[in-house]
Amino acid sequence: MTASLFARATRKPALPLAAVAVTAAVVGGAAWAATGKTATLTVDGQPRQVDFRGSTAADVLAAAGVDAGRRDVLVPAPSSEVADGDTVALRRARQVELVVDGAPRTVWVTAASVDEALTQVGLTERGLALSASRSRGIPLDGMQLAVSTPKRLTVVAGGRPIVRTTTAPTVGVALRQLGLTVDADDRVTHPATQRVVEGLKVKVVEVRKDRVHEAASLPFATQRRADSSLVEGTTRVVRAGSAGRLRRTVERTFADGRLEKRALVKSETLAAPVARVVAVGTRPAPVAPRANAGGSSSASGGSSSGAPAGGGWAALAQCESGGNPRAVSATGKYRGLYQFSRETWRSVGGTGDPAAASPAEQTRRAQMLYERSGAGQWPECGRHLR
């Protein structure tokens, strides 16, 4: 047998390509079965199966293509052993810009919801006011969250205290929540923008203003005019005066219902006052004739006056005052038997009230006046002395 024939006779048949592939797969599968593992990886509560080689939690993350940041929480730790069928949990950190009662701070949480984040930062009290729902999810790029804690607040309005527990962030919001409307005239001890703190006491004074019209009188003046037809020391009213009328507009300020202030806004004269005109005598009084030493005396037997006898004085007193030594005119100016003014009474030496003097003194002073100025002192009744 030749060499070529021997070669053909001893060569083994070649395996098909498909058979080679199957053989490799079987061998590879056997190798994976010997070294590969499967773990459950939970990321922020979402599970999935991960096939991995190695033995640690870090190997599981690498096989899943997941990176863990320095603030993320991995359980178990990256270097911890992980067996086939174990679970690895990753909670990724979120940055929350937290504002608590107006005070800002930055916190990192691994919470997936607002409610869970509050628990992680220790805000567990009841009644918190939040800028976002507790069930809202926190995105990986973070969020802002404002929190207002309950505080005891006292508001004194209308003199009465109102005590409430509120989560209102500011005084203005708290007053609105209490149904108190404050306008520009009202007085509040704290500005509307002030933060509400525990134990704060706010006083509100309701200020109300109105305007009213009030009537008033204007006093009249007295004009004195010289009159030569009247004897010196005598006067006569030429024209009676009359008061004017005034209307004032007054603004009133009430604080919690009590009148606090009045301010004049405007004054209008409705009628001007009319001056009183008085004529003042300038004519010198005639000198009364004196009785002779041997002449007759008065009825009283003691008078040396040049005046008429007692009957004339009685008639004068009757005419002036009805004979009443205590008579006072309607204006109060003229007084006594002979209706002296206080000024004239003093000019003849009298003191005090003419109506309080005795009838004898009043008559004596009247006679002195007559001797000085004549009967013209009594314009209407002086005829009884002539």
Protein backbone atom coordinates (compact mmCIF):
# COMPACT_ATOMS: atom_id res chain seq x y z
CA MET A 1 0.00 0.00 0.00
CA THR A 2 1.33 3.31 -0.97
CA ALA A 3 1.75 6.24 1.45
CA SER A 4 -1.15 8.23 0.05
CA LEU A 5 -3.49 5.33 0.41
CA PHE A 6 -2.36 4.82 3.97
CA ALA A 7 -3.06 8.46 4.79
CA ARG A 8 -6.56 8.26 3.48
CA ALA A 9 -7.14 5.11 5.35
CA THR A 10 -6.02 6.45 8.76
CA ARG A 11 -7.44 10.16 8.72
CA LYS A 12 -10.52 10.78 10.97
CA PRO A 13 -13.54 12.52 9.48
CA ALA A 14 -13.73 16.37 10.24
CA LEU A 15 -16.55 17.66 12.63
CA PRO A 16 -19.15 20.01 11.18
CA LEU A 17 -18.97 23.79 12.26
CA ALA A 18 -22.29 23.72 14.04
CA ALA A 19 -21.16 20.89 16.22
CA VAL A 20 -18.11 22.94 17.20
CA ALA A 21 -20.33 25.88 18.29
CA VAL A 22 -22.58 23.67 20.37
CA THR A 23 -19.61 22.13 22.02
CA ALA A 24 -18.23 25.61 22.94
CA ALA A 25 -21.55 26.71 24.35
CA VAL A 26 -21.83 23.64 26.47
CA VAL A 27 -18.31 24.11 27.74
CA GLY A 28 -18.93 27.88 28.38
CA GLY A 29 -22.23 27.20 30.14
CA ALA A 30 -20.55 24.71 32.32
CA ALA A 31 -17.88 27.27 33.11
CA TRP A 32 -20.57 30.02 33.97
CA ALA A 33 -22.42 27.55 36.08
CA ALA A 34 -19.25 27.03 37.98
CA THR A 35 -18.33 30.79 38.49
CA GLY A 36 -21.41 33.12 37.76
CA LYS A 37 -24.03 34.43 40.24
CA THR A 38 -27.40 36.19 40.15
CA ALA A 39 -28.41 38.91 42.66
CA THR A 40 -31.45 41.16 43.10
CA LEU A 41 -30.45 44.84 42.85
CA THR A 42 -33.00 47.32 44.29
CA VAL A 43 -32.43 50.95 43.28
CA ASP A 44 -34.66 53.41 45.17
CA GLY A 45 -37.10 50.59 45.83
CA GLN A 46 -37.19 49.27 42.22
CA PRO A 47 -35.84 45.67 41.98
CA ARG A 48 -34.21 43.89 39.05
CA GLN A 49 -32.13 40.73 38.51
CA VAL A 50 -28.42 41.12 37.80
CA ASP A 51 -26.04 38.36 36.65
CA PHE A 52 -22.54 39.11 37.87
CA ARG A 53 -19.12 37.61 38.38
CA GLY A 54 -17.21 38.37 41.50
CA SER A 55 -18.15 38.28 45.13
CA THR A 56 -18.97 41.79 46.39
CA ALA A 57 -21.78 44.33 46.25
CA ALA A 58 -19.52 46.54 44.15
CA ASP A 59 -19.35 43.72 41.59
CA VAL A 60 -23.14 43.66 41.41
CA LEU A 61 -23.27 47.42 40.72
CA ALA A 62 -20.56 47.10 38.07
CA ALA A 63 -22.44 44.32 36.32
CA ALA A 64 -25.61 46.46 36.38
CA GLY A 65 -23.81 49.54 35.11
CA VAL A 66 -24.87 51.57 38.16
CA ASP A 67 -22.60 54.07 39.93
CA ALA A 68 -22.98 54.87 43.62
CA GLY A 69 -22.21 58.44 44.72
CA ARG A 70 -20.44 59.29 47.96
CA ARG A 71 -23.72 60.32 49.63
CA ASP A 72 -25.65 57.30 48.32
CA VAL A 73 -26.41 54.45 50.71
CA LEU A 74 -25.53 50.92 49.59
CA VAL A 75 -26.59 47.89 51.63
CA PRO A 76 -24.54 45.85 52.09
CA ALA A 77 -21.37 47.93 51.86
CA PRO A 78 -19.49 47.86 48.54
CA SER A 79 -16.84 45.46 49.83
CA SER A 80 -19.30 43.11 51.50
CA GLU A 81 -19.63 39.54 50.20
CA VAL A 82 -22.66 38.83 48.05
CA ALA A 83 -23.72 35.25 47.45
CA ASP A 84 -25.82 33.89 44.64
CA GLY A 85 -29.45 34.94 45.18
CA ASP A 86 -28.68 37.78 47.64
CA THR A 87 -30.24 41.25 47.48
CA VAL A 88 -28.30 44.51 47.15
CA ALA A 89 -30.15 47.79 47.89
CA LEU A 90 -29.02 51.23 46.68
CA ARG A 91 -30.65 54.45 47.93
CA ARG A 92 -29.45 57.42 45.93
CA ALA A 93 -29.03 60.79 47.70
CA ARG A 94 -31.04 63.91 46.81
CA GLN A 95 -30.26 67.50 47.74
CA VAL A 96 -33.17 69.33 49.38
CA GLU A 97 -33.11 73.10 49.88
CA LEU A 98 -35.08 73.19 53.14
CA VAL A 99 -36.55 76.36 54.68
CA VAL A 100 -37.92 75.82 58.18
CA ASP A 101 -39.78 78.80 59.66
CA GLY A 102 -37.84 81.13 57.38
CA ALA A 103 -34.40 79.64 58.17
CA PRO A 104 -32.79 78.04 55.08
CA ARG A 105 -30.50 75.03 55.14
CA THR A 106 -29.33 72.37 52.69
CA VAL A 107 -29.84 68.70 53.53
CA TRP A 108 -29.08 65.45 51.70
CA VAL A 109 -31.61 62.63 51.98
CA THR A 110 -32.00 59.22 50.45
CA ALA A 111 -35.78 59.48 50.73
CA ALA A 112 -37.87 59.01 47.65
CA SER A 113 -40.81 61.12 48.96
CA VAL A 114 -41.33 64.34 50.93
CA ASP A 115 -42.88 62.44 53.83
CA GLU A 116 -39.88 60.13 54.12
CA ALA A 117 -37.47 63.06 53.81
CA LEU A 118 -39.15 64.86 56.75
CA THR A 119 -38.64 61.78 58.88
CA GLN A 120 -34.96 61.58 57.89
CA VAL A 121 -34.33 65.22 58.91
CA GLY A 122 -36.25 64.87 62.18
CA LEU A 123 -39.34 66.95 61.34
CA THR A 124 -41.87 64.50 62.72
CA GLU A 125 -44.25 66.76 64.67
CA ARG A 126 -47.89 66.92 63.69
CA GLY A 127 -49.53 69.84 61.93
CA LEU A 128 -46.62 70.96 59.76
CA ALA A 129 -47.49 73.28 56.88
CA LEU A 130 -45.60 72.23 53.74
CA SER A 131 -45.04 73.81 50.36
CA ALA A 132 -45.35 70.37 48.69
CA SER A 133 -47.51 67.32 49.29
CA ARG A 134 -46.08 64.64 51.56
CA SER A 135 -46.61 62.06 48.81
CA ARG A 136 -44.64 64.02 46.24
CA GLY A 137 -41.55 62.23 44.93
CA ILE A 138 -38.14 63.84 45.23
CA PRO A 139 -36.28 63.92 41.90
CA LEU A 140 -32.59 63.00 41.73
CA ASP A 141 -31.65 66.62 41.00
CA GLY A 142 -33.29 67.69 44.27
CA MET A 143 -36.06 70.15 45.19
CA GLN A 144 -36.98 73.08 47.43
CA LEU A 145 -39.25 72.55 50.43
CA ALA A 146 -40.65 75.17 52.81
CA VAL A 147 -41.85 74.03 56.23
CA SER A 148 -43.76 76.02 58.83
CA THR A 149 -44.05 74.53 62.31
CA PRO A 150 -47.07 75.14 64.61
CA LYS A 151 -46.61 78.07 67.01
CA ARG A 152 -48.70 79.64 69.75
CA LEU A 153 -49.82 83.16 68.77
CA THR A 154 -51.84 85.75 70.72
CA VAL A 155 -53.63 88.52 68.83
CA VAL A 156 -55.33 91.32 70.80
CA ALA A 157 -58.03 92.90 68.63
CA GLY A 158 -60.69 95.27 69.90
CA GLY A 159 -59.22 94.88 73.37
CA ARG A 160 -59.91 91.13 73.43
CA PRO A 161 -57.16 88.46 73.22
CA ILE A 162 -57.38 85.67 70.64
CA VAL A 163 -55.03 82.71 71.27
CA ARG A 164 -54.35 80.31 68.40
CA THR A 165 -51.84 77.69 67.30
CA THR A 166 -50.88 78.56 63.74
CA THR A 167 -48.50 77.56 61.00
CA ALA A 168 -48.82 80.93 59.29
CA PRO A 169 -45.34 82.08 58.23
CA THR A 170 -45.92 85.81 58.78
CA VAL A 171 -48.05 88.15 60.87
CA GLY A 172 -49.98 89.29 57.80
CA VAL A 173 -50.94 85.72 56.86
CA ALA A 174 -51.90 84.93 60.47
CA LEU A 175 -54.22 87.94 60.68
CA ARG A 176 -55.93 86.96 57.42
CA GLN A 177 -56.40 83.42 58.70
CA LEU A 178 -58.14 84.88 61.76
CA GLY A 179 -60.43 86.91 59.49
CA LEU A 180 -58.98 90.25 60.59
CA THR A 181 -58.82 92.81 57.78
CA VAL A 182 -56.25 95.51 58.47
CA ASP A 183 -56.20 98.72 56.43
CA ALA A 184 -53.72 101.59 56.24
CA ASP A 185 -55.30 103.51 59.14
CA ASP A 186 -55.22 100.60 61.60
CA ARG A 187 -52.32 100.18 64.00
CA VAL A 188 -50.49 96.86 64.32
CA THR A 189 -47.59 96.38 66.70
CA HIS A 190 -45.70 94.19 64.19
CA PRO A 191 -45.27 94.54 60.41
CA ALA A 192 -47.15 92.15 58.17
CA THR A 193 -43.87 90.65 56.91
CA GLN A 194 -42.55 89.69 60.34
CA ARG A 195 -42.08 85.97 60.91
CA VAL A 196 -44.36 84.33 63.45
CA VAL A 197 -42.37 82.86 66.34
CA GLU A 198 -43.47 80.86 69.34
CA GLY A 199 -45.30 82.99 71.91
CA LEU A 200 -45.60 86.10 69.71
CA LYS A 201 -48.17 88.68 70.88
CA VAL A 202 -49.63 91.07 68.31
CA LYS A 203 -51.93 93.99 69.13
CA VAL A 204 -54.30 95.38 66.50
CA VAL A 205 -56.09 98.70 67.03
CA GLU A 206 -58.91 99.41 64.60
CA VAL A 207 -58.81 103.06 63.59
CA ARG A 208 -61.91 104.66 62.08
CA LYS A 209 -62.25 108.23 60.86
CA ASP A 210 -65.28 110.31 59.96
CA ARG A 211 -66.19 113.94 59.35
CA VAL A 212 -69.02 115.89 60.93
CA HIS A 213 -70.37 119.43 60.57
CA GLU A 214 -70.79 121.53 63.70
CA ALA A 215 -72.47 124.91 64.17
CA ALA A 216 -70.76 127.64 66.16
CA SER A 217 -71.33 131.33 66.87
CA LEU A 218 -69.05 134.25 66.16
CA PRO A 219 -69.01 136.89 68.92
CA PHE A 220 -69.83 140.42 67.92
CA ALA A 221 -67.65 143.43 68.69
CA THR A 222 -68.76 146.67 70.37
CA GLN A 223 -68.11 149.97 68.68
CA ARG A 224 -68.17 153.10 70.87
CA ARG A 225 -68.96 156.37 69.14
CA ALA A 226 -68.75 159.87 70.63
CA ASP A 227 -72.11 161.63 70.85
CA SER A 228 -72.22 165.34 71.81
CA SER A 229 -75.93 165.16 72.45
CA LEU A 230 -75.32 163.01 75.49
CA VAL A 231 -73.85 164.24 78.74
CA GLU A 232 -70.44 162.98 79.66
CA GLY A 233 -70.60 159.69 81.54
CA THR A 234 -73.80 158.57 79.82
CA THR A 235 -74.23 156.07 77.03
CA ARG A 236 -76.93 154.92 74.69
CA VAL A 237 -77.17 151.76 72.59
CA VAL A 238 -77.56 152.80 68.99
CA ARG A 239 -77.61 149.30 67.55
CA ALA A 240 -77.78 145.98 69.31
CA GLY A 241 -75.13 143.50 68.24
CA SER A 242 -75.81 140.03 66.89
CA ALA A 243 -73.55 137.01 66.81
CA GLY A 244 -72.45 135.49 63.52
CA ARG A 245 -72.95 131.86 62.48
CA LEU A 246 -70.11 129.49 61.65
CA ARG A 247 -70.04 125.94 60.28
CA ARG A 248 -67.01 123.83 61.08
CA THR A 249 -66.00 120.56 59.43
CA VAL A 250 -64.29 118.37 62.02
CA GLU A 251 -62.49 115.08 61.43
CA ARG A 252 -62.89 112.61 64.28
CA THR A 253 -60.54 109.69 64.92
CA PHE A 254 -61.80 106.63 66.82
CA ALA A 255 -59.47 103.94 68.16
CA ASP A 256 -61.28 100.65 68.90
CA GLY A 257 -64.53 102.63 68.99
CA ARG A 258 -63.34 105.32 71.42
CA LEU A 259 -62.98 108.96 70.35
CA GLU A 260 -59.28 109.72 70.34
CA LYS A 261 -58.83 112.99 68.46
CA ARG A 262 -60.67 115.85 66.80
CA ALA A 263 -59.10 117.98 64.07
CA LEU A 264 -60.56 121.04 62.35
CA VAL A 265 -60.61 120.50 58.59
CA LYS A 266 -62.54 123.54 57.37
CA SER A 267 -64.43 126.54 58.74
CA GLU A 268 -67.15 128.44 56.83
CA THR A 269 -68.80 131.69 57.90
CA LEU A 270 -72.53 131.44 57.18
CA ALA A 271 -73.43 134.83 58.66
CA ALA A 272 -71.05 137.58 59.73
CA PRO A 273 -71.46 139.09 63.20
CA VAL A 274 -73.04 142.56 63.49
CA ALA A 275 -71.21 144.93 65.81
CA ARG A 276 -72.98 146.58 68.71
CA VAL A 277 -72.88 150.39 68.47
CA VAL A 278 -72.91 152.44 71.65
CA ALA A 279 -73.09 156.24 71.73
CA VAL A 280 -70.89 157.77 74.44
CA GLY A 281 -71.79 161.21 75.76
CA THR A 282 -69.26 164.01 75.34
CA ARG A 283 -71.37 167.06 76.33
CA PRO A 284 -70.21 168.59 79.61
CA ALA A 285 -72.79 168.20 82.34
CA PRO A 286 -74.48 171.38 83.57
CA VAL A 287 -73.58 172.55 87.05
CA ALA A 288 -76.60 172.08 89.30
CA PRO A 289 -77.54 175.20 91.33
CA ARG A 290 -76.84 174.95 95.04
CA ALA A 291 -79.42 175.95 97.66
CA ASN A 292 -78.87 179.17 99.73
CA ALA A 293 -77.88 178.80 103.32
CA GLY A 294 -81.30 179.97 104.43
CA GLY A 295 -83.16 178.03 101.78
CA SER A 296 -85.53 175.21 102.43
CA SER A 297 -84.07 171.82 103.21
CA SER A 298 -85.16 168.46 101.84
CA ALA A 299 -88.01 166.53 103.32
CA SER A 300 -85.53 164.56 105.36
CA GLY A 301 -84.36 167.80 106.88
CA GLY A 302 -80.67 167.04 106.31
CA SER A 303 -79.95 167.38 102.61
CA SER A 304 -78.12 170.37 101.25
CA SER A 305 -78.34 169.10 97.67
CA GLY A 306 -79.58 171.28 94.89
CA ALA A 307 -81.70 168.36 93.78
CA PRO A 308 -85.46 168.37 94.09
CA ALA A 309 -87.05 167.46 97.38
CA GLY A 310 -87.57 163.85 98.38
CA GLY A 311 -90.65 163.38 96.23
CA GLY A 312 -88.58 163.77 93.08
CA TRP A 313 -86.17 161.03 94.13
CA ALA A 314 -88.96 158.70 95.02
CA ALA A 315 -90.53 159.29 91.61
CA LEU A 316 -87.18 158.66 89.94
CA ALA A 317 -86.68 155.42 91.87
CA GLN A 318 -90.20 154.31 91.01
CA CYS A 319 -89.58 155.04 87.32
CA GLU A 320 -86.16 153.36 87.16
CA SER A 321 -86.65 150.27 89.35
CA GLY A 322 -90.23 150.21 90.52
CA GLY A 323 -88.91 151.36 93.89
CA ASN A 324 -87.01 148.09 94.41
CA PRO A 325 -83.51 148.72 95.86
CA ARG A 326 -82.44 145.20 94.73
CA ALA A 327 -83.67 145.53 91.15
CA VAL A 328 -81.32 144.30 88.37
CA SER A 329 -81.84 144.94 84.66
CA ALA A 330 -82.33 142.06 82.21
CA THR A 331 -78.74 142.39 81.03
CA GLY A 332 -77.42 142.53 84.60
CA LYS A 333 -75.63 145.79 83.94
CA TYR A 334 -77.90 148.30 85.72
CA ARG A 335 -78.63 147.75 89.40
CA GLY A 336 -80.50 149.13 92.42
CA LEU A 337 -83.08 151.88 92.97
CA TYR A 338 -81.54 154.24 90.42
CA GLN A 339 -80.12 151.60 88.05
CA PHE A 340 -76.46 152.45 88.50
CA SER A 341 -73.86 150.74 86.36
CA ARG A 342 -70.92 149.57 88.44
CA GLU A 343 -68.67 151.99 86.60
CA THR A 344 -70.89 154.99 87.41
CA TRP A 345 -71.40 153.78 90.98
CA ARG A 346 -67.66 153.76 91.54
CA SER A 347 -67.31 157.23 89.96
CA VAL A 348 -69.38 158.70 92.82
CA GLY A 349 -67.48 156.82 95.53
CA GLY A 350 -69.60 153.69 95.78
CA THR A 351 -68.05 150.27 96.38
CA GLY A 352 -69.29 146.79 95.67
CA ASP A 353 -72.69 146.08 94.12
CA PRO A 354 -75.05 149.09 93.96
CA ALA A 355 -78.04 146.80 94.55
CA ALA A 356 -76.46 145.56 97.78
CA ALA A 357 -76.18 149.05 99.29
CA SER A 358 -78.82 150.48 101.57
CA PRO A 359 -81.59 152.60 99.99
CA ALA A 360 -80.22 155.63 101.86
CA GLU A 361 -76.74 155.19 100.39
CA GLN A 362 -78.15 154.61 96.92
CA THR A 363 -80.12 157.85 97.17
CA ARG A 364 -77.10 159.74 98.45
CA ARG A 365 -74.94 158.49 95.57
CA ALA A 366 -77.71 159.35 93.08
CA GLN A 367 -77.83 162.89 94.45
CA MET A 368 -74.04 163.16 94.10
CA LEU A 369 -74.34 162.01 90.48
CA TYR A 370 -77.07 164.52 89.86
CA GLU A 371 -74.98 167.35 91.32
CA ARG A 372 -72.12 166.33 89.07
CA SER A 373 -73.85 165.49 85.82
CA GLY A 374 -77.48 166.49 86.03
CA ALA A 375 -80.72 164.64 85.26
CA GLY A 376 -79.37 163.49 81.89
CA GLN A 377 -77.88 160.48 83.65
CA TRP A 378 -81.43 159.05 83.57
CA PRO A 379 -82.47 159.70 79.93
CA GLU A 380 -86.04 158.43 80.32
CA CYS A 381 -86.80 159.00 84.01
CA GLY A 382 -84.69 162.09 84.69
CA ARG A 383 -87.77 164.27 84.04
CA HIS A 384 -88.88 163.55 87.58
CA LEU A 385 -85.94 165.62 88.83
CA ARG A 386 -86.72 168.71 86.78
